[in-house]
Amino acid sequence: MHSDDTLTQSFPKKDPETGETLLFVCHGKTCGRSCRFLVDRLEQVRAKGYAVRAERTICMDRCEEGPNVRYGDQIHTHMNPIKVSELAKKVAGKK
């Protein structure tokens, strides 16, 4: 699946209003199957005091490497709940 929207969509690292770190979780056809597990884990990390928020997004055109999570310009592939938790803690500070 290729989407021109992926090339033009903005992926900021921080929410300008809250200062929270944004991790964009692919909700495309392939990754969407695992998306809820990644979003759930990010909510758990947030509940532990980290300034991070999951945002569902469109396909990142890396379906064969999914599930995928984007932080700014970087796409992290083959993600699972443990990897997304480690990424969140690395890029987001405590509140």
PDB file of N, CA and C in Angstrom:
ATOM      1  N   MET A   1       0.852  -1.176   0.000  1.00  0.00           N
ATOM      2  CA  MET A   1       0.000   0.000   0.000  1.00  0.00           C
ATOM      3  C   MET A   1       0.891   1.229   0.000  1.00  0.00           C
ATOM      4  N   HIS A   2       0.638   2.119  -0.916  1.00  0.00           N
ATOM      5  CA  HIS A   2       1.425   3.353  -0.976  1.00  0.00           C
ATOM      6  C   HIS A   2       0.479   4.532  -0.868  1.00  0.00           C
ATOM      7  N   SER A   3       0.814   5.452  -0.034  1.00  0.00           N
ATOM      8  CA  SER A   3      -0.051   6.613   0.173  1.00  0.00           C
ATOM      9  C   SER A   3       0.773   7.889   0.062  1.00  0.00           C
ATOM     10  N   ASP A   4       0.385   8.765  -0.857  1.00  0.00           N
ATOM     11  CA  ASP A   4       1.064  10.049  -0.972  1.00  0.00           C
ATOM     12  C   ASP A   4       0.854  10.901   0.269  1.00  0.00           C
ATOM     13  N   ASP A   5      -0.199  10.611   1.050  1.00  0.00           N
ATOM     14  CA  ASP A   5      -0.462  11.348   2.282  1.00  0.00           C
ATOM     15  C   ASP A   5       0.678  11.169   3.282  1.00  0.00           C
ATOM     16  N   THR A   6       1.333   9.994   3.252  1.00  0.00           N
ATOM     17  CA  THR A   6       2.436   9.728   4.170  1.00  0.00           C
ATOM     18  C   THR A   6       3.571  10.714   3.936  1.00  0.00           C
ATOM     19  N   LEU A   7       3.778  11.076   2.684  1.00  0.00           N
ATOM     20  CA  LEU A   7       4.875  11.974   2.342  1.00  0.00           C
ATOM     21  C   LEU A   7       4.597  13.414   2.744  1.00  0.00           C
ATOM     22  N   THR A   8       3.329  13.794   2.810  1.00  0.00           N
ATOM     23  CA  THR A   8       2.987  15.178   3.109  1.00  0.00           C
ATOM     24  C   THR A   8       2.521  15.390   4.548  1.00  0.00           C
ATOM     25  N   GLN A   9       2.205  14.317   5.256  1.00  0.00           N
ATOM     26  CA  GLN A   9       1.722  14.447   6.620  1.00  0.00           C
ATOM     27  C   GLN A   9       2.859  14.870   7.550  1.00  0.00           C
ATOM     28  N   SER A  10       2.553  15.733   8.487  1.00  0.00           N
ATOM     29  CA  SER A  10       3.535  16.216   9.446  1.00  0.00           C
ATOM     30  C   SER A  10       3.566  15.299  10.662  1.00  0.00           C
ATOM     31  N   PHE A  11       4.769  14.989  11.139  1.00  0.00           N
ATOM     32  CA  PHE A  11       4.940  14.142  12.306  1.00  0.00           C
ATOM     33  C   PHE A  11       5.793  14.875  13.337  1.00  0.00           C
ATOM     34  N   PRO A  12       5.189  15.793  14.087  1.00  0.00           N
ATOM     35  CA  PRO A  12       5.960  16.532  15.092  1.00  0.00           C
ATOM     36  C   PRO A  12       6.391  15.615  16.234  1.00  0.00           C
ATOM     37  N   LYS A  13       7.496  15.955  16.863  1.00  0.00           N
ATOM     38  CA  LYS A  13       7.981  15.168  17.995  1.00  0.00           C
ATOM     39  C   LYS A  13       7.236  15.496  19.277  1.00  0.00           C
ATOM     40  N   LYS A  14       6.747  16.711  19.368  1.00  0.00           N
ATOM     41  CA  LYS A  14       6.057  17.160  20.588  1.00  0.00           C
ATOM     42  C   LYS A  14       4.733  17.815  20.247  1.00  0.00           C
ATOM     43  N   ASP A  15       3.777  17.670  21.138  1.00  0.00           N
ATOM     44  CA  ASP A  15       2.522  18.394  21.023  1.00  0.00           C
ATOM     45  C   ASP A  15       2.801  19.818  21.496  1.00  0.00           C
ATOM     46  N   PRO A  16       2.580  20.816  20.650  1.00  0.00           N
ATOM     47  CA  PRO A  16       2.917  22.194  21.032  1.00  0.00           C
ATOM     48  C   PRO A  16       2.091  22.716  22.210  1.00  0.00           C
ATOM     49  N   GLU A  17       0.921  22.164  22.421  1.00  0.00           N
ATOM     50  CA  GLU A  17       0.068  22.640  23.519  1.00  0.00           C
ATOM     51  C   GLU A  17       0.407  21.989  24.853  1.00  0.00           C
ATOM     52  N   THR A  18       0.673  20.676  24.841  1.00  0.00           N
ATOM     53  CA  THR A  18       0.898  19.961  26.107  1.00  0.00           C
ATOM     54  C   THR A  18       2.365  19.657  26.380  1.00  0.00           C
ATOM     55  N   GLY A  19       3.198  19.711  25.342  1.00  0.00           N
ATOM     56  CA  GLY A  19       4.606  19.365  25.498  1.00  0.00           C
ATOM     57  C   GLY A  19       4.859  17.871  25.524  1.00  0.00           C
ATOM     58  N   GLU A  20       3.816  17.073  25.347  1.00  0.00           N
ATOM     59  CA  GLU A  20       3.974  15.623  25.363  1.00  0.00           C
ATOM     60  C   GLU A  20       4.695  15.146  24.104  1.00  0.00           C
ATOM     61  N   THR A  21       5.505  14.116  24.262  1.00  0.00           N
ATOM     62  CA  THR A  21       6.145  13.464  23.137  1.00  0.00           C
ATOM     63  C   THR A  21       5.088  12.671  22.388  1.00  0.00           C
ATOM     64  N   LEU A  22       5.106  12.769  21.062  1.00  0.00           N
ATOM     65  CA  LEU A  22       4.119  12.079  20.233  1.00  0.00           C
ATOM     66  C   LEU A  22       4.755  10.898  19.519  1.00  0.00           C
ATOM     67  N   LEU A  23       4.163   9.746  19.684  1.00  0.00           N
ATOM     68  CA  LEU A  23       4.560   8.559  18.935  1.00  0.00           C
ATOM     69  C   LEU A  23       3.378   8.173  18.065  1.00  0.00           C
ATOM     70  N   PHE A  24       3.612   8.139  16.759  1.00  0.00           N
ATOM     71  CA  PHE A  24       2.563   7.843  15.794  1.00  0.00           C
ATOM     72  C   PHE A  24       2.574   6.350  15.496  1.00  0.00           C
ATOM     73  N   VAL A  25       1.474   5.691  15.817  1.00  0.00           N
ATOM     74  CA  VAL A  25       1.343   4.253  15.646  1.00  0.00           C
ATOM     75  C   VAL A  25       0.544   3.992  14.372  1.00  0.00           C
ATOM     76  N   CYS A  26       1.140   3.220  13.473  1.00  0.00           N
ATOM     77  CA  CYS A  26       0.477   2.934  12.205  1.00  0.00           C
ATOM     78  C   CYS A  26      -0.819   2.173  12.449  1.00  0.00           C
ATOM     79  N   HIS A  27      -1.855   2.642  11.799  1.00  0.00           N
ATOM     80  CA  HIS A  27      -3.168   2.017  11.903  1.00  0.00           C
ATOM     81  C   HIS A  27      -3.609   1.529  10.522  1.00  0.00           C
ATOM     82  N   GLY A  28      -2.612   1.258   9.657  1.00  0.00           N
ATOM     83  CA  GLY A  28      -2.901   0.757   8.322  1.00  0.00           C
ATOM     84  C   GLY A  28      -3.412  -0.672   8.368  1.00  0.00           C
ATOM     85  N   LYS A  29      -3.702  -1.203   7.207  1.00  0.00           N
ATOM     86  CA  LYS A  29      -4.313  -2.530   7.088  1.00  0.00           C
ATOM     87  C   LYS A  29      -3.494  -3.625   7.774  1.00  0.00           C
ATOM     88  N   THR A  30      -2.182  -3.627   7.594  1.00  0.00           N
ATOM     89  CA  THR A  30      -1.331  -4.665   8.180  1.00  0.00           C
ATOM     90  C   THR A  30      -1.004  -4.368   9.639  1.00  0.00           C
ATOM     91  N   CYS A  31      -0.502  -3.200   9.915  1.00  0.00           N
ATOM     92  CA  CYS A  31      -0.083  -2.837  11.281  1.00  0.00           C
ATOM     93  C   CYS A  31      -1.272  -2.701  12.226  1.00  0.00           C
ATOM     94  N   GLY A  32      -2.410  -2.328  11.685  1.00  0.00           N
ATOM     95  CA  GLY A  32      -3.590  -2.087  12.512  1.00  0.00           C
ATOM     96  C   GLY A  32      -3.976  -3.248  13.396  1.00  0.00           C
ATOM     97  N   ARG A  33      -3.594  -4.448  12.976  1.00  0.00           N
ATOM     98  CA  ARG A  33      -3.902  -5.634  13.785  1.00  0.00           C
ATOM     99  C   ARG A  33      -3.207  -5.573  15.141  1.00  0.00           C
ATOM    100  N   SER A  34      -2.021  -5.016  15.171  1.00  0.00           N
ATOM    101  CA  SER A  34      -1.243  -4.933  16.413  1.00  0.00           C
ATOM    102  C   SER A  34      -1.291  -3.559  17.051  1.00  0.00           C
ATOM    103  N   CYS A  35      -1.881  -2.619  16.366  1.00  0.00           N
ATOM    104  CA  CYS A  35      -1.908  -1.224  16.812  1.00  0.00           C
ATOM    105  C   CYS A  35      -2.446  -1.080  18.227  1.00  0.00           C
ATOM    106  N   ARG A  36      -3.523  -1.746  18.529  1.00  0.00           N
ATOM    107  CA  ARG A  36      -4.142  -1.538  19.855  1.00  0.00           C
ATOM    108  C   ARG A  36      -3.232  -1.975  20.984  1.00  0.00           C
ATOM    109  N   PHE A  37      -2.402  -3.016  20.756  1.00  0.00           N
ATOM    110  CA  PHE A  37      -1.477  -3.470  21.795  1.00  0.00           C
ATOM    111  C   PHE A  37      -0.388  -2.428  22.046  1.00  0.00           C
ATOM    112  N   LEU A  38       0.055  -1.782  20.989  1.00  0.00           N
ATOM    113  CA  LEU A  38       1.080  -0.739  21.128  1.00  0.00           C
ATOM    114  C   LEU A  38       0.501   0.497  21.801  1.00  0.00           C
ATOM    115  N   VAL A  39      -0.703   0.881  21.401  1.00  0.00           N
ATOM    116  CA  VAL A  39      -1.366   2.035  22.007  1.00  0.00           C
ATOM    117  C   VAL A  39      -1.627   1.767  23.485  1.00  0.00           C
ATOM    118  N   ASP A  40      -2.091   0.561  23.808  1.00  0.00           N
ATOM    119  CA  ASP A  40      -2.333   0.200  25.215  1.00  0.00           C
ATOM    120  C   ASP A  40      -1.054   0.307  26.032  1.00  0.00           C
ATOM    121  N   ARG A  41       0.054  -0.163  25.482  1.00  0.00           N
ATOM    122  CA  ARG A  41       1.327  -0.102  26.210  1.00  0.00           C
ATOM    123  C   ARG A  41       1.771   1.342  26.411  1.00  0.00           C
ATOM    124  N   LEU A  42       1.592   2.169  25.398  1.00  0.00           N
ATOM    125  CA  LEU A  42       1.958   3.578  25.537  1.00  0.00           C
ATOM    126  C   LEU A  42       1.099   4.270  26.587  1.00  0.00           C
ATOM    127  N   GLU A  43      -0.148   3.881  26.696  1.00  0.00           N
ATOM    128  CA  GLU A  43      -1.006   4.440  27.750  1.00  0.00           C
ATOM    129  C   GLU A  43      -0.513   4.016  29.127  1.00  0.00           C
ATOM    130  N   GLN A  44      -0.005   2.793  29.238  1.00  0.00           N
ATOM    131  CA  GLN A  44       0.559   2.326  30.514  1.00  0.00           C
ATOM    132  C   GLN A  44       1.813   3.117  30.876  1.00  0.00           C
ATOM    133  N   VAL A  45       2.665   3.370  29.881  1.00  0.00           N
ATOM    134  CA  VAL A  45       3.880   4.159  30.117  1.00  0.00           C
ATOM    135  C   VAL A  45       3.499   5.571  30.549  1.00  0.00           C
ATOM    136  N   ARG A  46       2.500   6.130  29.902  1.00  0.00           N
ATOM    137  CA  ARG A  46       2.016   7.472  30.258  1.00  0.00           C
ATOM    138  C   ARG A  46       1.497   7.491  31.699  1.00  0.00           C
ATOM    139  N   ALA A  47       0.780   6.450  32.074  1.00  0.00           N
ATOM    140  CA  ALA A  47       0.233   6.362  33.437  1.00  0.00           C
ATOM    141  C   ALA A  47       1.340   6.285  34.487  1.00  0.00           C
ATOM    142  N   LYS A  48       2.530   5.859  34.080  1.00  0.00           N
ATOM    143  CA  LYS A  48       3.666   5.783  35.007  1.00  0.00           C
ATOM    144  C   LYS A  48       4.420   7.109  35.093  1.00  0.00           C
ATOM    145  N   GLY A  49       3.865   8.150  34.451  1.00  0.00           N
ATOM    146  CA  GLY A  49       4.442   9.480  34.613  1.00  0.00           C
ATOM    147  C   GLY A  49       5.263   9.992  33.455  1.00  0.00           C
ATOM    148  N   TYR A  50       5.310   9.274  32.351  1.00  0.00           N
ATOM    149  CA  TYR A  50       6.059   9.745  31.183  1.00  0.00           C
ATOM    150  C   TYR A  50       5.168  10.626  30.319  1.00  0.00           C
ATOM    151  N   ALA A  51       5.751  11.691  29.804  1.00  0.00           N
ATOM    152  CA  ALA A  51       5.006  12.653  28.983  1.00  0.00           C
ATOM    153  C   ALA A  51       4.981  12.170  27.536  1.00  0.00           C
ATOM    154  N   VAL A  52       4.187  11.136  27.284  1.00  0.00           N
ATOM    155  CA  VAL A  52       4.109  10.532  25.956  1.00  0.00           C
ATOM    156  C   VAL A  52       2.646  10.285  25.606  1.00  0.00           C
ATOM    157  N   ARG A  53       2.355  10.405  24.318  1.00  0.00           N
ATOM    158  CA  ARG A  53       0.985  10.144  23.862  1.00  0.00           C
ATOM    159  C   ARG A  53       1.033   9.414  22.527  1.00  0.00           C
ATOM    160  N   ALA A  54       0.201   8.408  22.402  1.00  0.00           N
ATOM    161  CA  ALA A  54       0.073   7.661  21.148  1.00  0.00           C
ATOM    162  C   ALA A  54      -0.936   8.346  20.253  1.00  0.00           C
ATOM    163  N   GLU A  55      -0.586   8.432  18.984  1.00  0.00           N
ATOM    164  CA  GLU A  55      -1.493   8.950  17.963  1.00  0.00           C
ATOM    165  C   GLU A  55      -1.569   7.906  16.858  1.00  0.00           C
ATOM    166  N   ARG A  56      -2.768   7.506  16.509  1.00  0.00           N
ATOM    167  CA  ARG A  56      -2.924   6.584  15.374  1.00  0.00           C
ATOM    168  C   ARG A  56      -2.755   7.384  14.089  1.00  0.00           C
ATOM    169  N   THR A  57      -2.117   6.763  13.099  1.00  0.00           N
ATOM    170  CA  THR A  57      -1.865   7.448  11.847  1.00  0.00           C
ATOM    171  C   THR A  57      -2.081   6.511  10.664  1.00  0.00           C
ATOM    172  N   ILE A  58      -1.973   7.074   9.486  1.00  0.00           N
ATOM    173  CA  ILE A  58      -2.162   6.320   8.252  1.00  0.00           C
ATOM    174  C   ILE A  58      -0.966   5.412   7.982  1.00  0.00           C
ATOM    175  N   CYS A  59      -1.081   4.613   6.943  1.00  0.00           N
ATOM    176  CA  CYS A  59      -0.029   3.688   6.538  1.00  0.00           C
ATOM    177  C   CYS A  59       1.289   4.431   6.318  1.00  0.00           C
ATOM    178  N   MET A  60       2.387   3.809   6.750  1.00  0.00           N
ATOM    179  CA  MET A  60       3.721   4.394   6.596  1.00  0.00           C
ATOM    180  C   MET A  60       4.489   3.778   5.432  1.00  0.00           C
ATOM    181  N   ASP A  61       3.820   2.949   4.657  1.00  0.00           N
ATOM    182  CA  ASP A  61       4.420   2.306   3.482  1.00  0.00           C
ATOM    183  C   ASP A  61       5.583   1.377   3.820  1.00  0.00           C
ATOM    184  N   ARG A  62       5.555   0.796   4.991  1.00  0.00           N
ATOM    185  CA  ARG A  62       6.586  -0.172   5.406  1.00  0.00           C
ATOM    186  C   ARG A  62       5.886  -1.423   5.942  1.00  0.00           C
ATOM    187  N   CYS A  63       4.812  -1.822   5.273  1.00  0.00           N
ATOM    188  CA  CYS A  63       3.933  -2.894   5.747  1.00  0.00           C
ATOM    189  C   CYS A  63       4.686  -4.186   6.057  1.00  0.00           C
ATOM    190  N   GLU A  64       5.643  -4.543   5.222  1.00  0.00           N
ATOM    191  CA  GLU A  64       6.375  -5.794   5.415  1.00  0.00           C
ATOM    192  C   GLU A  64       7.257  -5.767   6.660  1.00  0.00           C
ATOM    193  N   GLU A  65       7.450  -4.593   7.250  1.00  0.00           N
ATOM    194  CA  GLU A  65       8.295  -4.450   8.439  1.00  0.00           C
ATOM    195  C   GLU A  65       7.486  -4.092   9.686  1.00  0.00           C
ATOM    196  N   GLY A  66       6.186  -4.129   9.584  1.00  0.00           N
ATOM    197  CA  GLY A  66       5.314  -3.692  10.668  1.00  0.00           C
ATOM    198  C   GLY A  66       5.240  -4.676  11.812  1.00  0.00           C
ATOM    199  N   PRO A  67       4.616  -4.237  12.868  1.00  0.00           N
ATOM    200  CA  PRO A  67       3.994  -2.928  13.076  1.00  0.00           C
ATOM    201  C   PRO A  67       5.037  -1.809  13.215  1.00  0.00           C
ATOM    202  N   ASN A  68       4.627  -0.634  12.780  1.00  0.00           N
ATOM    203  CA  ASN A  68       5.525   0.512  12.715  1.00  0.00           C
ATOM    204  C   ASN A  68       5.077   1.652  13.630  1.00  0.00           C
ATOM    205  N   VAL A  69       6.074   2.338  14.182  1.00  0.00           N
ATOM    206  CA  VAL A  69       5.830   3.498  15.027  1.00  0.00           C
ATOM    207  C   VAL A  69       6.764   4.598  14.546  1.00  0.00           C
ATOM    208  N   ARG A  70       6.237   5.793  14.425  1.00  0.00           N
ATOM    209  CA  ARG A  70       7.031   6.921  13.943  1.00  0.00           C
ATOM    210  C   ARG A  70       7.247   7.923  15.073  1.00  0.00           C
ATOM    211  N   TYR A  71       8.490   8.367  15.189  1.00  0.00           N
ATOM    212  CA  TYR A  71       8.856   9.449  16.109  1.00  0.00           C
ATOM    213  C   TYR A  71       9.596  10.474  15.278  1.00  0.00           C
ATOM    214  N   GLY A  72       8.942  11.595  14.998  1.00  0.00           N
ATOM    215  CA  GLY A  72       9.537  12.601  14.125  1.00  0.00           C
ATOM    216  C   GLY A  72       9.761  12.019  12.743  1.00  0.00           C
ATOM    217  N   ASP A  73      11.002  12.084  12.260  1.00  0.00           N
ATOM    218  CA  ASP A  73      11.351  11.571  10.941  1.00  0.00           C
ATOM    219  C   ASP A  73      11.718  10.087  10.951  1.00  0.00           C
ATOM    220  N   GLN A  74      11.809   9.496  12.122  1.00  0.00           N
ATOM    221  CA  GLN A  74      12.265   8.110  12.225  1.00  0.00           C
ATOM    222  C   GLN A  74      11.094   7.145  12.304  1.00  0.00           C
ATOM    223  N   ILE A  75      11.157   6.092  11.479  1.00  0.00           N
ATOM    224  CA  ILE A  75      10.170   5.021  11.541  1.00  0.00           C
ATOM    225  C   ILE A  75      10.837   3.833  12.225  1.00  0.00           C
ATOM    226  N   HIS A  76      10.227   3.362  13.289  1.00  0.00           N
ATOM    227  CA  HIS A  76      10.719   2.205  14.027  1.00  0.00           C
ATOM    228  C   HIS A  76       9.873   1.012  13.603  1.00  0.00           C
ATOM    229  N   THR A  77      10.532  -0.019  13.094  1.00  0.00           N
ATOM    230  CA  THR A  77       9.835  -1.163  12.518  1.00  0.00           C
ATOM    231  C   THR A  77       9.847  -2.365  13.463  1.00  0.00           C
ATOM    232  N   HIS A  78       9.040  -3.350  13.124  1.00  0.00           N
ATOM    233  CA  HIS A  78       8.945  -4.600  13.885  1.00  0.00           C
ATOM    234  C   HIS A  78       8.697  -4.325  15.369  1.00  0.00           C
ATOM    235  N   MET A  79       7.821  -3.386  15.655  1.00  0.00           N
ATOM    236  CA  MET A  79       7.570  -2.988  17.042  1.00  0.00           C
ATOM    237  C   MET A  79       6.668  -3.994  17.751  1.00  0.00           C
ATOM    238  N   ASN A  80       6.861  -4.069  19.043  1.00  0.00           N
ATOM    239  CA  ASN A  80       6.006  -4.866  19.926  1.00  0.00           C
ATOM    240  C   ASN A  80       5.850  -4.066  21.210  1.00  0.00           C
ATOM    241  N   PRO A  81       5.015  -4.500  22.147  1.00  0.00           N
ATOM    242  CA  PRO A  81       4.806  -3.705  23.357  1.00  0.00           C
ATOM    243  C   PRO A  81       6.080  -3.392  24.145  1.00  0.00           C
ATOM    244  N   ILE A  82       7.007  -4.323  24.207  1.00  0.00           N
ATOM    245  CA  ILE A  82       8.247  -4.070  24.945  1.00  0.00           C
ATOM    246  C   ILE A  82       9.089  -3.008  24.241  1.00  0.00           C
ATOM    247  N   LYS A  83       9.250  -3.144  22.930  1.00  0.00           N
ATOM    248  CA  LYS A  83      10.049  -2.171  22.171  1.00  0.00           C
ATOM    249  C   LYS A  83       9.438  -0.778  22.215  1.00  0.00           C
ATOM    250  N   VAL A  84       8.102  -0.693  22.112  1.00  0.00           N
ATOM    251  CA  VAL A  84       7.473   0.632  22.118  1.00  0.00           C
ATOM    252  C   VAL A  84       7.588   1.266  23.495  1.00  0.00           C
ATOM    253  N   SER A  85       7.545   0.459  24.535  1.00  0.00           N
ATOM    254  CA  SER A  85       7.719   0.967  25.896  1.00  0.00           C
ATOM    255  C   SER A  85       9.131   1.526  26.080  1.00  0.00           C
ATOM    256  N   GLU A  86      10.127   0.800  25.600  1.00  0.00           N
ATOM    257  CA  GLU A  86      11.525   1.254  25.695  1.00  0.00           C
ATOM    258  C   GLU A  86      11.732   2.543  24.902  1.00  0.00           C
ATOM    259  N   LEU A  87      11.155   2.616  23.699  1.00  0.00           N
ATOM    260  CA  LEU A  87      11.272   3.826  22.883  1.00  0.00           C
ATOM    261  C   LEU A  87      10.641   5.014  23.600  1.00  0.00           C
ATOM    262  N   ALA A  88       9.449   4.826  24.126  1.00  0.00           N
ATOM    263  CA  ALA A  88       8.754   5.903  24.813  1.00  0.00           C
ATOM    264  C   ALA A  88       9.562   6.434  25.997  1.00  0.00           C
ATOM    265  N   LYS A  89      10.103   5.537  26.781  1.00  0.00           N
ATOM    266  CA  LYS A  89      10.880   5.964  27.943  1.00  0.00           C
ATOM    267  C   LYS A  89      12.176   6.672  27.531  1.00  0.00           C
ATOM    268  N   LYS A  90      12.721   6.280  26.385  1.00  0.00           N
ATOM    269  CA  LYS A  90      13.954   6.898  25.898  1.00  0.00           C
ATOM    270  C   LYS A  90      13.718   8.310  25.401  1.00  0.00           C
ATOM    271  N   VAL A  91      12.603   8.541  24.692  1.00  0.00           N
ATOM    272  CA  VAL A  91      12.379   9.841  24.046  1.00  0.00           C
ATOM    273  C   VAL A  91      11.517  10.803  24.867  1.00  0.00           C
ATOM    274  N   ALA A  92      10.787  10.285  25.837  1.00  0.00           N
ATOM    275  CA  ALA A  92       9.904  11.140  26.640  1.00  0.00           C
ATOM    276  C   ALA A  92      10.399  11.204  28.074  1.00  0.00           C
ATOM    277  N   GLY A  93      10.428  12.382  28.596  1.00  0.00           N
ATOM    278  CA  GLY A  93      10.814  12.544  29.997  1.00  0.00           C
ATOM    279  C   GLY A  93       9.626  12.323  30.909  1.00  0.00           C
ATOM    280  N   LYS A  94       9.923  12.227  32.181  1.00  0.00           N
ATOM    281  CA  LYS A  94       8.855  12.120  33.182  1.00  0.00           C
ATOM    282  C   LYS A  94       8.172  13.461  33.322  1.00  0.00           C
ATOM    283  N   LYS A  95       6.896  13.420  33.646  1.00  0.00           N
ATOM    284  CA  LYS A  95       6.106  14.652  33.838  1.00  0.00           C
ATOM    285  C   LYS A  95       6.555  15.355  35.101  1.00  0.00           C
TER     286      LYS A  95
END
